[in-house]
Amino acid sequence: MPTLHRSMAPALSFNGGFVDTVGFLALQGLFTAHVTGNFVTLGVSIVHGTSGALAKLLALPVFALVVGLTHLAAVSIHRRGLTPLRPLLILHTLMLALFGVLAIGLGPFHDGDSSAALITGMVGVAAMAIQNAISRQHLNGAPPTTLMTGNVTQGAIDVFALIGLRDETQRAAIKQRLKPIGWNLLGFTLGCIGAALLYLAVGLWCLGLPILVAIWTCVRTFGSSDSV
């Protein structure tokens, strides 16, 4: 895995946990990154009569549409002889910044189905959809940065595989695979905890932190041969 990707993935994982947690807290249970989880919270909304059902229904198609458009943009950039990582990270940062501005300016959101909450929520979903596309297609060899179930599964398999494995070459390969998984899980966990604590302290202004992290990922690409 390139050095740039190895250092960037945990930072994006931090943002994945952070933004998903803030979205859930501020937008009546909306997951901006783990969009399939919205089907669960949609059921909760129906049973308890709480707001936000429309946003949860829209999240998956909006997410899929933005992922598809991000892929087409990457193909177009590649055809021009450029590497898509940097421009996609810049686009992701801009969308995340817009999400933060809308959340701070229009929130708090007591009605998850209000136009303000819907617009803000879908911008957040779009930002995280771009991050998912980047993670899937442009961070070579890096584990996912938002959906941690696969990382936990692979990590558990690898840990238990090491218990009875004697071949040193295979053990070394498994340990090498475990390192980025561990860093991403740590980043995501810190993002979730940090989001909860900062949300309690400063409300939606806490979204300034993931925006700064996203800006750092953009700056990190300059001067790196991995992104040019």
Protein backbone atom coordinates (compact mmCIF):
# COMPACT_ATOMS: atom_id res chain seq x y z
CA MET A 1 0.00 0.00 0.00
CA PRO A 2 1.42 3.46 -0.88
CA THR A 3 2.59 5.52 2.09
CA LEU A 4 0.07 8.29 1.31
CA HIS A 5 -2.85 5.87 1.33
CA ARG A 6 -1.65 4.21 4.53
CA SER A 7 -1.64 7.53 6.41
CA MET A 8 -4.79 8.92 4.81
CA ALA A 9 -7.13 5.99 5.44
CA PRO A 10 -7.20 6.31 9.27
CA ALA A 11 -7.92 10.05 8.93
CA LEU A 12 -10.83 9.35 6.60
CA SER A 13 -12.00 6.62 8.97
CA PHE A 14 -12.02 9.19 11.78
CA ASN A 15 -14.21 11.41 9.62
CA GLY A 16 -16.47 8.49 8.74
CA GLY A 17 -17.22 7.80 12.39
CA PHE A 18 -17.43 11.48 13.29
CA VAL A 19 -19.82 12.60 10.55
CA ASP A 20 -22.03 9.53 10.86
CA THR A 21 -22.38 10.11 14.61
CA VAL A 22 -23.16 13.81 14.27
CA GLY A 23 -25.66 13.10 11.50
CA PHE A 24 -27.41 10.53 13.67
CA LEU A 25 -27.53 12.90 16.65
CA ALA A 26 -28.55 16.05 14.80
CA LEU A 27 -30.76 14.75 11.97
CA GLN A 28 -33.21 12.53 13.80
CA GLY A 29 -31.30 9.28 13.40
CA LEU A 30 -29.99 9.76 9.85
CA PHE A 31 -26.87 7.80 8.92
CA THR A 32 -24.89 9.82 6.36
CA ALA A 33 -22.27 7.13 5.69
CA HIS A 34 -23.77 3.80 6.81
CA VAL A 35 -26.82 4.43 4.65
CA THR A 36 -28.26 0.91 4.82
CA GLY A 37 -28.60 1.45 8.57
CA ASN A 38 -31.30 3.98 7.71
CA PHE A 39 -33.67 1.12 6.94
CA VAL A 40 -33.48 0.16 10.63
CA THR A 41 -34.04 3.71 11.85
CA LEU A 42 -36.83 4.08 9.27
CA GLY A 43 -38.61 1.21 10.99
CA VAL A 44 -38.09 2.91 14.33
CA SER A 45 -39.54 6.16 12.93
CA ILE A 46 -42.62 4.32 11.68
CA VAL A 47 -43.21 2.50 14.97
CA HIS A 48 -42.62 5.50 17.25
CA GLY A 49 -44.05 8.13 14.90
CA THR A 50 -40.88 10.22 14.95
CA SER A 51 -39.78 12.45 12.09
CA GLY A 52 -37.08 11.78 9.53
CA ALA A 53 -38.65 8.92 7.58
CA LEU A 54 -38.41 10.75 4.24
CA ALA A 55 -34.70 11.53 4.71
CA LYS A 56 -34.03 7.87 5.50
CA LEU A 57 -35.85 6.80 2.33
CA LEU A 58 -33.93 9.29 0.20
CA ALA A 59 -30.50 8.52 1.65
CA LEU A 60 -29.83 5.28 -0.25
CA PRO A 61 -30.76 6.50 -3.78
CA VAL A 62 -28.91 9.80 -3.21
CA PHE A 63 -25.88 7.88 -1.95
CA ALA A 64 -25.92 5.51 -4.94
CA LEU A 65 -26.37 8.39 -7.41
CA VAL A 66 -23.44 10.35 -5.99
CA VAL A 67 -21.19 7.27 -5.94
CA GLY A 68 -22.02 6.69 -9.61
CA LEU A 69 -21.37 10.32 -10.53
CA THR A 70 -18.10 10.24 -8.60
CA HIS A 71 -17.02 7.19 -10.59
CA LEU A 72 -17.88 8.92 -13.88
CA ALA A 73 -15.93 12.00 -12.75
CA ALA A 74 -12.93 9.81 -11.91
CA VAL A 75 -13.07 8.17 -15.33
CA SER A 76 -13.21 11.57 -17.01
CA ILE A 77 -10.26 12.84 -14.96
CA HIS A 78 -8.25 9.70 -15.75
CA ARG A 79 -8.88 10.13 -19.48
CA ARG A 80 -7.24 13.53 -19.24
CA GLY A 81 -4.07 11.87 -18.00
CA LEU A 82 -4.57 12.89 -14.37
CA THR A 83 -4.91 10.88 -11.16
CA PRO A 84 -8.42 11.32 -9.69
CA LEU A 85 -7.49 11.13 -5.99
CA ARG A 86 -6.63 14.78 -5.37
CA PRO A 87 -9.59 16.39 -7.21
CA LEU A 88 -12.00 13.91 -5.61
CA LEU A 89 -10.63 14.68 -2.16
CA ILE A 90 -11.05 18.39 -2.85
CA LEU A 91 -14.65 17.79 -3.97
CA HIS A 92 -15.28 15.70 -0.86
CA THR A 93 -13.88 18.47 1.34
CA LEU A 94 -16.05 21.11 -0.32
CA MET A 95 -19.17 18.98 0.14
CA LEU A 96 -18.28 18.31 3.77
CA ALA A 97 -17.74 22.04 4.32
CA LEU A 98 -21.13 22.78 2.76
CA PHE A 99 -22.69 20.18 5.05
CA GLY A 100 -21.11 21.90 8.05
CA VAL A 101 -22.23 25.37 6.95
CA LEU A 102 -25.81 24.20 6.36
CA ALA A 103 -25.93 22.29 9.64
CA ILE A 104 -24.67 25.24 11.68
CA GLY A 105 -26.76 27.78 9.78
CA LEU A 106 -30.04 25.85 9.63
CA GLY A 107 -29.86 23.63 12.71
CA PRO A 108 -30.79 22.39 15.21
CA PHE A 109 -33.20 20.09 13.39
CA HIS A 110 -36.21 19.16 15.50
CA ASP A 111 -38.14 17.94 12.44
CA GLY A 112 -36.15 15.47 10.36
CA ASP A 113 -38.58 15.86 7.45
CA SER A 114 -38.29 19.65 7.20
CA SER A 115 -36.80 21.07 4.02
CA ALA A 116 -33.78 22.39 5.97
CA ALA A 117 -33.08 18.97 7.49
CA LEU A 118 -33.58 17.17 4.15
CA ILE A 119 -31.22 19.47 2.26
CA THR A 120 -28.58 19.35 4.99
CA GLY A 121 -28.87 15.60 5.38
CA MET A 122 -28.59 14.84 1.67
CA VAL A 123 -25.51 17.07 1.37
CA GLY A 124 -23.97 15.08 4.21
CA VAL A 125 -24.90 11.82 2.47
CA ALA A 126 -23.34 13.11 -0.75
CA ALA A 127 -20.10 14.05 1.04
CA MET A 128 -19.79 10.61 2.57
CA ALA A 129 -20.73 8.92 -0.71
CA ILE A 130 -17.74 10.62 -2.33
CA GLN A 131 -15.54 9.41 0.53
CA ASN A 132 -16.83 5.86 0.07
CA ALA A 133 -16.05 5.99 -3.65
CA ILE A 134 -12.55 7.31 -2.92
CA SER A 135 -11.95 4.57 -0.37
CA ARG A 136 -13.22 1.84 -2.67
CA GLN A 137 -11.49 2.85 -5.88
CA HIS A 138 -8.59 5.19 -5.18
CA LEU A 139 -6.92 4.15 -1.90
CA ASN A 140 -5.14 1.10 -3.21
CA GLY A 141 -5.04 -1.70 -0.64
CA ALA A 142 -6.60 0.37 2.15
CA PRO A 143 -9.49 -1.12 4.16
CA PRO A 144 -12.89 0.64 4.04
CA THR A 145 -13.02 3.98 5.84
CA THR A 146 -16.71 4.14 6.74
CA LEU A 147 -18.27 0.67 6.95
CA MET A 148 -16.42 -1.11 9.73
CA THR A 149 -18.32 -4.43 9.74
CA GLY A 150 -16.07 -5.86 7.03
CA ASN A 151 -12.97 -4.62 8.85
CA VAL A 152 -14.07 -6.21 12.13
CA THR A 153 -14.87 -9.48 10.34
CA GLN A 154 -11.51 -9.63 8.57
CA GLY A 155 -9.68 -8.60 11.71
CA ALA A 156 -11.33 -11.33 13.77
CA ILE A 157 -10.57 -13.95 11.12
CA ASP A 158 -6.93 -12.88 10.97
CA VAL A 159 -6.45 -12.79 14.74
CA PHE A 160 -7.83 -16.28 15.20
CA ALA A 161 -5.91 -17.53 12.16
CA LEU A 162 -2.68 -16.46 13.86
CA ILE A 163 -3.42 -18.64 16.87
CA GLY A 164 -2.77 -21.95 15.15
CA LEU A 165 -0.57 -20.80 12.28
CA ARG A 166 3.09 -21.77 12.35
CA ASP A 167 4.26 -20.67 8.90
CA GLU A 168 6.20 -17.44 9.48
CA THR A 169 5.66 -16.15 5.94
CA GLN A 170 1.89 -16.50 6.27
CA ARG A 171 1.96 -15.00 9.77
CA ALA A 172 3.89 -12.00 8.50
CA ALA A 173 1.37 -11.49 5.67
CA ILE A 174 -1.57 -11.62 8.08
CA LYS A 175 0.09 -9.20 10.51
CA GLN A 176 0.78 -6.82 7.63
CA ARG A 177 -2.91 -6.93 6.67
CA LEU A 178 -4.02 -6.41 10.26
CA LYS A 179 -2.12 -3.14 10.72
CA PRO A 180 -4.21 -0.92 8.41
CA ILE A 181 -7.41 -2.60 9.61
CA GLY A 182 -6.47 -1.80 13.19
CA TRP A 183 -5.60 1.81 12.39
CA ASN A 184 -8.89 2.32 10.53
CA LEU A 185 -10.91 0.79 13.37
CA LEU A 186 -9.09 3.03 15.85
CA GLY A 187 -9.69 6.12 13.71
CA PHE A 188 -13.39 5.33 13.31
CA THR A 189 -13.82 4.67 17.03
CA LEU A 190 -12.09 7.91 17.99
CA GLY A 191 -14.28 9.73 15.46
CA CYS A 192 -17.48 8.38 17.03
CA ILE A 193 -16.38 9.17 20.59
CA GLY A 194 -14.97 12.56 19.63
CA ALA A 195 -18.16 13.49 17.81
CA ALA A 196 -20.33 12.63 20.79
CA LEU A 197 -18.19 14.60 23.24
CA LEU A 198 -17.78 17.64 21.00
CA TYR A 199 -21.47 17.63 20.07
CA LEU A 200 -22.30 17.82 23.76
CA ALA A 201 -19.80 20.64 24.21
CA VAL A 202 -20.31 22.87 21.17
CA GLY A 203 -23.23 21.42 19.21
CA LEU A 204 -23.05 21.43 15.43
CA TRP A 205 -19.94 23.61 15.47
CA CYS A 206 -18.11 20.33 16.10
CA LEU A 207 -18.32 19.68 12.34
CA GLY A 208 -15.39 22.06 11.95
CA LEU A 209 -13.06 19.24 13.05
CA PRO A 210 -13.81 16.73 10.25
CA ILE A 211 -13.63 19.61 7.75
CA LEU A 212 -10.11 20.37 8.99
CA VAL A 213 -9.20 16.69 8.72
CA ALA A 214 -10.54 16.62 5.16
CA ILE A 215 -8.49 19.71 4.30
CA TRP A 216 -5.42 17.92 5.70
CA THR A 217 -6.02 14.96 3.38
CA CYS A 218 -6.07 17.35 0.42
CA VAL A 219 -2.89 19.10 1.52
CA ARG A 220 -1.29 15.71 2.11
CA THR A 221 -1.58 14.86 -1.60
CA PHE A 222 0.55 17.80 -2.72
CA GLY A 223 4.14 16.78 -3.21
CA SER A 224 3.24 13.08 -3.15
CA SER A 225 3.90 10.89 -6.17
CA ASP A 226 0.97 8.66 -5.13
CA SER A 227 -1.57 11.26 -6.24
CA VAL A 228 -0.06 12.86 -9.30
